[in-house]
N, C-alpha and C. Protein backbone atom coordinates (compact mmCIF):
# COMPACT_ATOMS: atom_id res chain seq x y z
N UNK A 1 115.18 102.12 119.66
CA UNK A 1 114.81 103.03 118.58
C UNK A 1 115.00 102.32 117.23
N UNK A 2 114.10 102.57 116.34
CA UNK A 2 114.15 101.97 115.01
C UNK A 2 115.16 102.71 114.15
N UNK A 3 116.00 101.96 113.43
CA UNK A 3 116.96 102.57 112.52
C UNK A 3 116.25 102.98 111.23
N UNK A 4 116.91 103.83 110.46
CA UNK A 4 116.33 104.26 109.18
C UNK A 4 116.15 103.06 108.26
N UNK A 5 117.13 102.16 108.20
CA UNK A 5 117.03 100.96 107.36
C UNK A 5 115.81 100.13 107.74
N UNK A 6 115.56 99.99 109.04
CA UNK A 6 114.40 99.22 109.51
C UNK A 6 113.09 99.91 109.12
N UNK A 7 113.10 101.23 109.20
CA UNK A 7 111.92 102.00 108.82
C UNK A 7 111.61 101.83 107.33
N UNK A 8 112.64 101.83 106.50
CA UNK A 8 112.45 101.60 105.06
C UNK A 8 111.90 100.20 104.83
N UNK A 9 112.48 99.22 105.49
CA UNK A 9 112.03 97.84 105.36
C UNK A 9 110.56 97.69 105.77
N UNK A 10 110.20 98.32 106.89
CA UNK A 10 108.81 98.28 107.35
C UNK A 10 107.87 98.92 106.32
N UNK A 11 108.31 100.03 105.75
CA UNK A 11 107.50 100.74 104.76
C UNK A 11 107.27 99.87 103.52
N UNK A 12 108.33 99.18 103.08
CA UNK A 12 108.21 98.29 101.92
C UNK A 12 107.24 97.16 102.24
N UNK A 13 107.42 96.51 103.38
CA UNK A 13 106.57 95.39 103.75
C UNK A 13 105.11 95.81 103.89
N UNK A 14 104.86 96.93 104.58
CA UNK A 14 103.49 97.40 104.75
C UNK A 14 102.83 97.71 103.42
N UNK A 15 103.55 98.45 102.57
CA UNK A 15 102.98 98.87 101.30
C UNK A 15 102.75 97.69 100.36
N UNK A 16 103.74 96.83 100.25
CA UNK A 16 103.60 95.68 99.35
C UNK A 16 102.50 94.74 99.84
N UNK A 17 102.38 94.55 101.15
CA UNK A 17 101.32 93.71 101.69
C UNK A 17 99.95 94.31 101.42
N UNK A 18 99.86 95.63 101.54
CA UNK A 18 98.59 96.31 101.31
C UNK A 18 98.18 96.23 99.84
N UNK A 19 99.13 96.45 98.94
CA UNK A 19 98.81 96.49 97.51
C UNK A 19 98.67 95.09 96.92
N UNK A 20 99.61 94.21 97.24
CA UNK A 20 99.62 92.87 96.64
C UNK A 20 98.82 91.85 97.44
N UNK A 21 98.61 92.14 98.71
CA UNK A 21 98.02 91.17 99.63
C UNK A 21 99.14 90.49 100.41
N UNK A 22 98.87 90.18 101.64
CA UNK A 22 99.88 89.61 102.52
C UNK A 22 100.44 88.30 101.99
N UNK A 23 99.55 87.42 101.51
CA UNK A 23 100.02 86.12 101.02
C UNK A 23 100.92 86.25 99.79
N UNK A 24 100.55 87.13 98.88
CA UNK A 24 101.37 87.33 97.69
C UNK A 24 102.72 87.90 98.07
N UNK A 25 102.73 88.90 98.95
CA UNK A 25 104.00 89.49 99.38
C UNK A 25 104.89 88.44 100.05
N UNK A 26 104.30 87.62 100.91
CA UNK A 26 105.08 86.56 101.56
C UNK A 26 105.66 85.59 100.53
N UNK A 27 104.92 85.36 99.46
CA UNK A 27 105.35 84.41 98.43
C UNK A 27 106.52 84.95 97.59
N UNK A 28 106.62 86.27 97.46
CA UNK A 28 107.67 86.82 96.59
C UNK A 28 108.75 87.61 97.32
N UNK A 29 108.61 87.85 98.62
CA UNK A 29 109.56 88.74 99.29
C UNK A 29 110.98 88.17 99.38
N UNK A 30 111.14 86.89 99.12
CA UNK A 30 112.50 86.33 99.14
C UNK A 30 113.36 86.91 98.01
N UNK A 31 112.73 87.51 96.99
CA UNK A 31 113.48 88.15 95.92
C UNK A 31 114.21 89.41 96.40
N UNK A 32 113.71 89.99 97.48
CA UNK A 32 114.19 91.29 97.93
C UNK A 32 115.03 91.17 99.20
N UNK A 33 116.21 91.79 99.18
CA UNK A 33 117.04 91.85 100.38
C UNK A 33 116.64 93.10 101.15
N UNK A 34 115.81 92.92 102.14
CA UNK A 34 115.23 94.04 102.87
C UNK A 34 116.28 94.87 103.60
N UNK A 35 117.43 94.30 103.87
CA UNK A 35 118.46 95.00 104.64
C UNK A 35 119.19 96.07 103.82
N UNK A 36 119.15 95.96 102.51
CA UNK A 36 119.94 96.90 101.70
C UNK A 36 119.10 97.93 100.94
N UNK A 37 117.81 97.91 101.09
CA UNK A 37 116.96 98.81 100.31
C UNK A 37 117.35 100.26 100.53
N UNK A 38 117.53 100.67 101.76
CA UNK A 38 117.86 102.07 102.05
C UNK A 38 119.25 102.44 101.52
N UNK A 39 120.16 101.49 101.52
CA UNK A 39 121.53 101.78 101.06
C UNK A 39 121.71 101.60 99.56
N UNK A 40 120.88 100.78 98.94
CA UNK A 40 120.99 100.49 97.50
C UNK A 40 119.63 100.69 96.81
N UNK A 41 119.09 101.92 96.84
CA UNK A 41 117.76 102.12 96.28
C UNK A 41 117.67 101.85 94.77
N UNK A 42 118.76 102.11 94.05
CA UNK A 42 118.74 101.84 92.60
C UNK A 42 118.58 100.35 92.34
N UNK A 43 119.28 99.55 93.12
CA UNK A 43 119.21 98.09 92.98
C UNK A 43 117.80 97.60 93.30
N UNK A 44 117.20 98.14 94.35
CA UNK A 44 115.84 97.77 94.72
C UNK A 44 114.86 98.17 93.61
N UNK A 45 114.99 99.39 93.11
CA UNK A 45 114.10 99.87 92.05
C UNK A 45 114.26 99.03 90.78
N UNK A 46 115.49 98.65 90.45
CA UNK A 46 115.73 97.82 89.26
C UNK A 46 115.07 96.45 89.42
N UNK A 47 115.14 95.88 90.62
CA UNK A 47 114.50 94.59 90.86
C UNK A 47 112.98 94.71 90.78
N UNK A 48 112.43 95.80 91.33
CA UNK A 48 110.99 96.03 91.19
C UNK A 48 110.60 96.11 89.71
N UNK A 49 111.43 96.79 88.92
CA UNK A 49 111.17 96.91 87.48
C UNK A 49 111.14 95.53 86.83
N UNK A 50 112.10 94.68 87.18
CA UNK A 50 112.16 93.34 86.59
C UNK A 50 110.95 92.49 86.97
N UNK A 51 110.53 92.60 88.23
CA UNK A 51 109.44 91.76 88.72
C UNK A 51 108.07 92.30 88.29
N UNK A 52 107.90 93.63 88.32
CA UNK A 52 106.58 94.21 88.11
C UNK A 52 106.43 95.06 86.85
N UNK A 53 107.50 95.29 86.12
CA UNK A 53 107.41 96.11 84.91
C UNK A 53 107.02 97.54 85.26
N UNK A 54 106.17 98.12 84.43
CA UNK A 54 105.77 99.51 84.60
C UNK A 54 105.10 99.77 85.95
N UNK A 55 104.44 98.79 86.49
CA UNK A 55 103.76 98.91 87.78
C UNK A 55 104.73 99.24 88.91
N UNK A 56 106.00 98.96 88.72
CA UNK A 56 106.98 99.22 89.78
C UNK A 56 107.05 100.71 90.13
N UNK A 57 106.76 101.58 89.17
CA UNK A 57 106.78 103.02 89.45
C UNK A 57 105.72 103.37 90.49
N UNK A 58 104.54 102.79 90.34
CA UNK A 58 103.46 103.01 91.30
C UNK A 58 103.86 102.46 92.67
N UNK A 59 104.44 101.26 92.69
CA UNK A 59 104.87 100.66 93.95
C UNK A 59 105.92 101.53 94.64
N UNK A 60 106.88 102.04 93.88
CA UNK A 60 107.92 102.89 94.46
C UNK A 60 107.31 104.15 95.07
N UNK A 61 106.37 104.76 94.37
CA UNK A 61 105.71 105.98 94.88
C UNK A 61 104.94 105.68 96.16
N UNK A 62 104.22 104.56 96.18
CA UNK A 62 103.43 104.21 97.36
C UNK A 62 104.34 103.88 98.55
N UNK A 63 105.44 103.18 98.30
CA UNK A 63 106.41 102.90 99.36
C UNK A 63 106.97 104.22 99.88
N UNK A 64 107.29 105.12 98.96
CA UNK A 64 107.80 106.44 99.34
C UNK A 64 106.82 107.21 100.20
N UNK A 65 105.54 107.19 99.83
CA UNK A 65 104.52 107.87 100.61
C UNK A 65 104.42 107.30 102.02
N UNK A 66 104.47 105.98 102.12
CA UNK A 66 104.43 105.33 103.44
C UNK A 66 105.63 105.76 104.28
N UNK A 67 106.81 105.73 103.68
CA UNK A 67 108.03 106.11 104.39
C UNK A 67 108.00 107.57 104.82
N UNK A 68 107.60 108.45 103.92
CA UNK A 68 107.54 109.88 104.26
C UNK A 68 106.54 110.12 105.39
N UNK A 69 105.44 109.38 105.39
CA UNK A 69 104.47 109.50 106.47
C UNK A 69 105.07 109.08 107.81
N UNK A 70 105.91 108.05 107.79
CA UNK A 70 106.53 107.56 109.02
C UNK A 70 107.53 108.54 109.61
N UNK A 71 108.17 109.34 108.76
CA UNK A 71 109.15 110.32 109.27
C UNK A 71 108.55 111.71 109.42
N UNK A 72 107.26 111.85 109.09
CA UNK A 72 106.57 113.13 109.27
C UNK A 72 106.85 114.15 108.18
N UNK A 73 107.26 113.70 107.00
CA UNK A 73 107.50 114.62 105.89
C UNK A 73 106.21 114.80 105.09
N UNK A 74 106.12 115.91 104.39
CA UNK A 74 104.92 116.14 103.57
C UNK A 74 104.91 115.18 102.40
N UNK A 75 103.80 114.54 102.18
CA UNK A 75 103.71 113.51 101.16
C UNK A 75 103.45 114.05 99.76
N UNK A 76 103.01 115.30 99.65
CA UNK A 76 102.73 115.86 98.34
C UNK A 76 103.99 115.93 97.47
N UNK A 77 105.14 116.09 98.10
CA UNK A 77 106.39 116.24 97.36
C UNK A 77 106.83 114.95 96.70
N UNK A 78 106.33 113.82 97.16
CA UNK A 78 106.82 112.53 96.65
C UNK A 78 106.50 112.32 95.17
N UNK A 79 105.47 112.96 94.67
CA UNK A 79 105.10 112.73 93.27
C UNK A 79 106.13 113.27 92.29
N UNK A 80 106.95 114.20 92.73
CA UNK A 80 107.95 114.80 91.84
C UNK A 80 109.30 114.10 91.89
N UNK A 81 109.47 113.14 92.77
CA UNK A 81 110.77 112.53 92.99
C UNK A 81 110.79 111.06 92.60
N UNK A 82 111.98 110.54 92.27
CA UNK A 82 112.12 109.10 92.09
C UNK A 82 112.39 108.46 93.45
N UNK A 83 112.46 107.15 93.48
CA UNK A 83 112.58 106.42 94.74
C UNK A 83 113.82 106.84 95.53
N UNK A 84 114.94 107.00 94.85
CA UNK A 84 116.19 107.38 95.52
C UNK A 84 116.05 108.76 96.17
N UNK A 85 115.43 109.70 95.47
CA UNK A 85 115.23 111.04 96.01
C UNK A 85 114.27 111.03 97.20
N UNK A 86 113.25 110.19 97.13
CA UNK A 86 112.31 110.07 98.25
C UNK A 86 113.05 109.53 99.48
N UNK A 87 113.92 108.54 99.28
CA UNK A 87 114.70 108.01 100.41
C UNK A 87 115.59 109.09 101.01
N UNK A 88 116.22 109.90 100.17
CA UNK A 88 117.06 111.00 100.67
C UNK A 88 116.26 111.98 101.51
N UNK A 89 115.09 112.35 100.99
CA UNK A 89 114.22 113.27 101.71
C UNK A 89 113.80 112.68 103.05
N UNK A 90 113.39 111.43 103.03
CA UNK A 90 112.97 110.76 104.27
C UNK A 90 114.12 110.67 105.27
N UNK A 91 115.32 110.37 104.78
CA UNK A 91 116.46 110.25 105.69
C UNK A 91 116.79 111.60 106.31
N UNK A 92 116.65 112.66 105.53
CA UNK A 92 116.90 114.00 106.05
C UNK A 92 115.90 114.36 107.16
N UNK A 93 114.69 113.85 107.05
CA UNK A 93 113.65 114.11 108.05
C UNK A 93 113.68 113.12 109.22
N UNK A 94 114.44 112.05 109.07
CA UNK A 94 114.51 111.00 110.10
C UNK A 94 115.19 111.54 111.34
N UNK A 95 114.57 111.36 112.52
CA UNK A 95 115.19 111.86 113.76
C UNK A 95 116.58 111.30 113.98
N UNK A 96 117.52 112.17 114.23
CA UNK A 96 118.89 111.75 114.51
C UNK A 96 119.71 111.42 113.29
N UNK A 97 119.16 111.63 112.09
CA UNK A 97 119.89 111.22 110.88
C UNK A 97 121.19 112.00 110.70
N UNK A 98 121.25 113.19 111.22
CA UNK A 98 122.48 113.96 111.08
C UNK A 98 123.59 113.46 112.03
N UNK A 99 123.18 112.72 113.04
CA UNK A 99 124.14 112.19 114.01
C UNK A 99 124.69 110.85 113.59
N UNK A 100 123.95 110.14 112.72
CA UNK A 100 124.35 108.80 112.32
C UNK A 100 125.24 108.87 111.08
N UNK A 101 126.16 107.93 110.98
CA UNK A 101 126.97 107.83 109.78
C UNK A 101 126.44 106.68 108.95
N UNK A 102 126.54 106.80 107.64
CA UNK A 102 126.03 105.70 106.81
C UNK A 102 127.14 105.03 106.06
């Protein structure tokens, strides 16, 4: 079974590859520690801000939409939330999340 952290990492990789292109994402993904995104969303968002400026908001929303789709949550709600709130919502919808400790 895929862990929530792995699901977040997959969502980031899929979204960034789709938006930036696979080659570009491969060229810059070393900046990002994929293992801590779910646990340190503020740090991830701050790094996106540094690398992409204002565009990072769009990237965060798109990553959130991908993640919410993977956990079966309604995607319309993502437009009202920041990245950290989207992660919380997705984790609440993640199967078995109430049984796991973080």
